[in-house]
C-alpha cells in the first residue's frame, strides 16, 4: 500500500514562475506538482496537492489531513512568519509535517528569519529551490515504510 503525502503551498506560490524568478526560479506551480507527482510514483508515495492564499483554508486542510494522509509537506509562504493559527493546526494533528521553502529564508529580510512553524514540524528544509520538496519526499520515503 502506498503512503499518502499532502503538499500544501500557501499564499503567492500560485505565482511561481512569474513572481521574482531571481529568488523563486522559473518553474511554475503546475510544473513543480507534476514533477513531484512523478517522483512520488518512483518512491511509491501518492502525493496530493493543495494551494491557497487563504489562511483559514490552509488550516482546514491541515485538520482534514490528519485522517487521510501519512504526512504533510508545507510551504506556508509568508504565513510561515505570521501565522500562529497554522502553527496551532500543525501541532494539533498526529501526522508529521515538514516545513519547506524554495529560498533560504535566513539569507533574506530579517522578518523572514522567524518561523512559527519550525518547532512544530519534524524538520525544515530551506534554500534548495524545488529540491527542498524532493528532499522532504525522500525523508518520508525512508521513514514511512511500513
C-alpha atoms as a PDB file:
ATOM      1  CA  UNK A   1       0.000   0.000   0.000  1.00  0.00           C
ATOM      2  CA  UNK A   2       1.316   3.412  -0.963  1.00  0.00           C
ATOM      3  CA  UNK A   3       1.893   6.068   1.645  1.00  0.00           C
ATOM      4  CA  UNK A   4      -0.025   9.302   1.105  1.00  0.00           C
ATOM      5  CA  UNK A   5       1.564  12.728   1.478  1.00  0.00           C
ATOM      6  CA  UNK A   6      -0.160  16.093   1.224  1.00  0.00           C
ATOM      7  CA  UNK A   7       1.826  19.035  -0.142  1.00  0.00           C
ATOM      8  CA  UNK A   8       0.395  22.367   0.985  1.00  0.00           C
ATOM      9  CA  UNK A   9       1.508  25.590  -0.670  1.00  0.00           C
ATOM     10  CA  UNK A  10       0.471  28.902   0.798  1.00  0.00           C
ATOM     11  CA  UNK A  11      -0.003  32.443  -0.447  1.00  0.00           C
ATOM     12  CA  UNK A  12       1.544  33.600  -3.698  1.00  0.00           C
ATOM     13  CA  UNK A  13       3.003  30.201  -4.535  1.00  0.00           C
ATOM     14  CA  UNK A  14       0.401  30.019  -7.302  1.00  0.00           C
ATOM     15  CA  UNK A  15       2.567  32.707  -8.943  1.00  0.00           C
ATOM     16  CA  UNK A  16       5.696  30.544  -9.145  1.00  0.00           C
ATOM     17  CA  UNK A  17       7.442  31.076 -12.452  1.00  0.00           C
ATOM     18  CA  UNK A  18       6.185  34.664 -12.642  1.00  0.00           C
ATOM     19  CA  UNK A  19       6.911  36.130  -9.206  1.00  0.00           C
ATOM     20  CA  UNK A  20      10.512  37.144  -8.516  1.00  0.00           C
ATOM     21  CA  UNK A  21      12.134  34.451 -10.681  1.00  0.00           C
ATOM     22  CA  UNK A  22      15.570  35.531  -9.432  1.00  0.00           C
ATOM     23  CA  UNK A  23      14.508  34.221  -5.986  1.00  0.00           C
ATOM     24  CA  UNK A  24      11.968  31.503  -6.798  1.00  0.00           C
ATOM     25  CA  UNK A  25      13.056  30.350 -10.272  1.00  0.00           C
ATOM     26  CA  UNK A  26      11.074  29.910 -13.470  1.00  0.00           C
ATOM     27  CA  UNK A  27       9.276  26.680 -12.609  1.00  0.00           C
ATOM     28  CA  UNK A  28       5.508  27.094 -12.299  1.00  0.00           C
ATOM     29  CA  UNK A  29       3.486  25.504  -9.513  1.00  0.00           C
ATOM     30  CA  UNK A  30       1.828  23.173 -12.035  1.00  0.00           C
ATOM     31  CA  UNK A  31       5.236  22.039 -13.297  1.00  0.00           C
ATOM     32  CA  UNK A  32       6.502  21.524  -9.749  1.00  0.00           C
ATOM     33  CA  UNK A  33       3.424  19.472  -8.863  1.00  0.00           C
ATOM     34  CA  UNK A  34       3.813  17.332 -11.996  1.00  0.00           C
ATOM     35  CA  UNK A  35       7.473  16.633 -11.212  1.00  0.00           C
ATOM     36  CA  UNK A  36       6.711  15.818  -7.575  1.00  0.00           C
ATOM     37  CA  UNK A  37       3.843  13.513  -8.513  1.00  0.00           C
ATOM     38  CA  UNK A  38       6.142  11.597 -10.892  1.00  0.00           C
ATOM     39  CA  UNK A  39       8.861  11.462  -8.224  1.00  0.00           C
ATOM     40  CA  UNK A  40       6.349  10.179  -5.705  1.00  0.00           C
ATOM     41  CA  UNK A  41       5.375   7.358  -8.048  1.00  0.00           C
ATOM     42  CA  UNK A  42       9.035   6.303  -8.256  1.00  0.00           C
ATOM     43  CA  UNK A  43       9.227   6.391  -4.448  1.00  0.00           C
ATOM     44  CA  UNK A  44       5.897   4.531  -4.048  1.00  0.00           C
ATOM     45  CA  UNK A  45       4.253   7.577  -2.440  1.00  0.00           C
ATOM     46  CA  UNK A  46       0.940   9.041  -3.515  1.00  0.00           C
ATOM     47  CA  UNK A  47       1.245  12.837  -3.411  1.00  0.00           C
ATOM     48  CA  UNK A  48      -1.729  15.187  -3.407  1.00  0.00           C
ATOM     49  CA  UNK A  49      -1.528  18.956  -3.646  1.00  0.00           C
ATOM     50  CA  UNK A  50      -3.327  21.930  -2.179  1.00  0.00           C
ATOM     51  CA  UNK A  51      -2.618  25.620  -2.664  1.00  0.00           C
ATOM     52  CA  UNK A  52      -4.448  28.528  -1.107  1.00  0.00           C
ATOM     53  CA  UNK A  53      -3.877  32.193  -0.449  1.00  0.00           C
ATOM     54  CA  UNK A  54      -6.315  31.908   2.472  1.00  0.00           C
ATOM     55  CA  UNK A  55      -5.066  31.143   5.976  1.00  0.00           C
ATOM     56  CA  UNK A  56      -8.361  29.558   7.017  1.00  0.00           C
ATOM     57  CA  UNK A  57      -8.424  27.204   4.022  1.00  0.00           C
ATOM     58  CA  UNK A  58      -4.884  26.053   4.847  1.00  0.00           C
ATOM     59  CA  UNK A  59      -5.881  25.407   8.468  1.00  0.00           C
ATOM     60  CA  UNK A  60      -8.949  23.430   7.360  1.00  0.00           C
ATOM     61  CA  UNK A  61      -6.811  21.311   5.029  1.00  0.00           C
ATOM     62  CA  UNK A  62      -4.247  20.568   7.768  1.00  0.00           C
ATOM     63  CA  UNK A  63      -7.001  19.451  10.140  1.00  0.00           C
ATOM     64  CA  UNK A  64      -8.605  17.232   7.462  1.00  0.00           C
ATOM     65  CA  UNK A  65      -5.220  15.713   6.536  1.00  0.00           C
ATOM     66  CA  UNK A  66      -4.885  14.042   9.913  1.00  0.00           C
ATOM     67  CA  UNK A  67      -7.317  11.286   8.897  1.00  0.00           C
ATOM     68  CA  UNK A  68      -6.337  10.940   5.237  1.00  0.00           C
ATOM     69  CA  UNK A  69      -2.546  11.279   4.937  1.00  0.00           C
ATOM     70  CA  UNK A  70       0.651   9.884   6.419  1.00  0.00           C
ATOM     71  CA  UNK A  71       2.457  13.227   6.369  1.00  0.00           C
ATOM     72  CA  UNK A  72       2.429  16.830   5.208  1.00  0.00           C
ATOM     73  CA  UNK A  73       4.978  18.901   3.328  1.00  0.00           C
ATOM     74  CA  UNK A  74       4.121  22.559   3.864  1.00  0.00           C
ATOM     75  CA  UNK A  75       5.425  25.737   2.316  1.00  0.00           C
ATOM     76  CA  UNK A  76       3.262  28.260   4.101  1.00  0.00           C
ATOM     77  CA  UNK A  77       4.847  31.186   2.254  1.00  0.00           C
ATOM     78  CA  UNK A  78       4.549  34.420   4.192  1.00  0.00           C
ATOM     79  CA  UNK A  79       2.264  32.737   6.745  1.00  0.00           C
ATOM     80  CA  UNK A  80       5.406  30.993   7.995  1.00  0.00           C
ATOM     81  CA  UNK A  81       6.383  34.272   9.648  1.00  0.00           C
ATOM     82  CA  UNK A  82       2.968  35.408  10.830  1.00  0.00           C
ATOM     83  CA  UNK A  83       0.510  32.594  11.470  1.00  0.00           C
ATOM     84  CA  UNK A  84       0.169  31.216  14.955  1.00  0.00           C
ATOM     85  CA  UNK A  85      -3.099  29.662  13.760  1.00  0.00           C
ATOM     86  CA  UNK A  86      -1.329  27.481  11.150  1.00  0.00           C
ATOM     87  CA  UNK A  87       1.261  26.591  13.793  1.00  0.00           C
ATOM     88  CA  UNK A  88      -1.517  25.518  16.163  1.00  0.00           C
ATOM     89  CA  UNK A  89      -3.169  23.454  13.411  1.00  0.00           C
ATOM     90  CA  UNK A  90       0.077  21.567  12.767  1.00  0.00           C
ATOM     91  CA  UNK A  91       0.633  20.974  16.467  1.00  0.00           C
ATOM     92  CA  UNK A  92      -2.920  19.613  16.831  1.00  0.00           C
ATOM     93  CA  UNK A  93      -2.513  16.755  14.342  1.00  0.00           C
ATOM     94  CA  UNK A  94      -0.820  13.405  14.865  1.00  0.00           C
ATOM     95  CA  UNK A  95       0.891  13.060  11.460  1.00  0.00           C
ATOM     96  CA  UNK A  96       4.356  14.517  10.821  1.00  0.00           C
ATOM     97  CA  UNK A  97       4.843  17.747   8.892  1.00  0.00           C
ATOM     98  CA  UNK A  98       7.953  19.071   7.184  1.00  0.00           C
ATOM     99  CA  UNK A  99       8.360  22.788   6.532  1.00  0.00           C
ATOM    100  CA  UNK A 100       9.936  23.634   3.170  1.00  0.00           C
ATOM    101  CA  UNK A 101      10.975  26.841   1.448  1.00  0.00           C
ATOM    102  CA  UNK A 102      12.336  27.363  -2.043  1.00  0.00           C
ATOM    103  CA  UNK A 103      14.581  30.229  -0.947  1.00  0.00           C
ATOM    104  CA  UNK A 104      16.898  30.294   2.033  1.00  0.00           C
ATOM    105  CA  UNK A 105      14.766  32.365   4.402  1.00  0.00           C
ATOM    106  CA  UNK A 106      17.824  33.029   6.575  1.00  0.00           C
ATOM    107  CA  UNK A 107      19.612  34.841   3.738  1.00  0.00           C
ATOM    108  CA  UNK A 108      16.683  37.159   3.127  1.00  0.00           C
ATOM    109  CA  UNK A 109      14.990  40.005   5.009  1.00  0.00           C
ATOM    110  CA  UNK A 110      15.248  39.792   8.787  1.00  0.00           C
ATOM    111  CA  UNK A 111      11.489  39.318   9.262  1.00  0.00           C
ATOM    112  CA  UNK A 112      11.748  36.070   7.271  1.00  0.00           C
ATOM    113  CA  UNK A 113      14.270  34.615   9.732  1.00  0.00           C
ATOM    114  CA  UNK A 114      11.494  33.740  12.190  1.00  0.00           C
ATOM    115  CA  UNK A 115       9.321  30.710  11.510  1.00  0.00           C
ATOM    116  CA  UNK A 116       6.283  29.999  13.655  1.00  0.00           C
ATOM    117  CA  UNK A 117       6.149  26.513  12.132  1.00  0.00           C
ATOM    118  CA  UNK A 118       9.628  25.073  12.536  1.00  0.00           C
ATOM    119  CA  UNK A 119       9.286  23.992  16.162  1.00  0.00           C
ATOM    120  CA  UNK A 120       6.075  22.028  15.484  1.00  0.00           C
ATOM    121  CA  UNK A 121       7.369  20.401  12.300  1.00  0.00           C
ATOM    122  CA  UNK A 122       9.721  17.431  12.392  1.00  0.00           C
ATOM    123  CA  UNK A 123      12.173  19.403  10.251  1.00  0.00           C
ATOM    124  CA  UNK A 124      12.699  22.341   7.942  1.00  0.00           C
ATOM    125  CA  UNK A 125      14.306  22.285   4.508  1.00  0.00           C
ATOM    126  CA  UNK A 126      15.151  25.681   3.051  1.00  0.00           C
ATOM    127  CA  UNK A 127      17.121  27.158   0.210  1.00  0.00           C
ATOM    128  CA  UNK A 128      17.340  24.273  -2.248  1.00  0.00           C
ATOM    129  CA  UNK A 129      14.795  25.556  -4.754  1.00  0.00           C
ATOM    130  CA  UNK A 130      12.362  22.896  -5.917  1.00  0.00           C
ATOM    131  CA  UNK A 131      14.642  20.271  -4.390  1.00  0.00           C
ATOM    132  CA  UNK A 132      13.503  21.301  -0.907  1.00  0.00           C
ATOM    133  CA  UNK A 133      10.256  19.455  -1.710  1.00  0.00           C
ATOM    134  CA  UNK A 134      12.065  16.439  -3.178  1.00  0.00           C
ATOM    135  CA  UNK A 135      14.260  16.132  -0.082  1.00  0.00           C
ATOM    136  CA  UNK A 136      11.119  16.107   2.069  1.00  0.00           C
ATOM    137  CA  UNK A 137       9.659  13.312  -0.093  1.00  0.00           C
ATOM    138  CA  UNK A 138      12.917  11.377   0.352  1.00  0.00           C
ATOM    139  CA  UNK A 139      12.607  11.720   4.119  1.00  0.00           C
ATOM    140  CA  UNK A 140       9.056  10.382   4.090  1.00  0.00           C
ATOM    141  CA  UNK A 141      10.065   7.513   1.817  1.00  0.00           C
ATOM    142  CA  UNK A 142      12.669   6.417   4.370  1.00  0.00           C
ATOM    143  CA  UNK A 143      10.582   6.923   7.499  1.00  0.00           C
ATOM    144  CA  UNK A 144       7.080   5.886   6.469  1.00  0.00           C
ATOM    145  CA  UNK A 145       7.953   2.420   5.261  1.00  0.00           C
ATOM    146  CA  UNK A 146       5.547   0.084   6.998  1.00  0.00           C
END
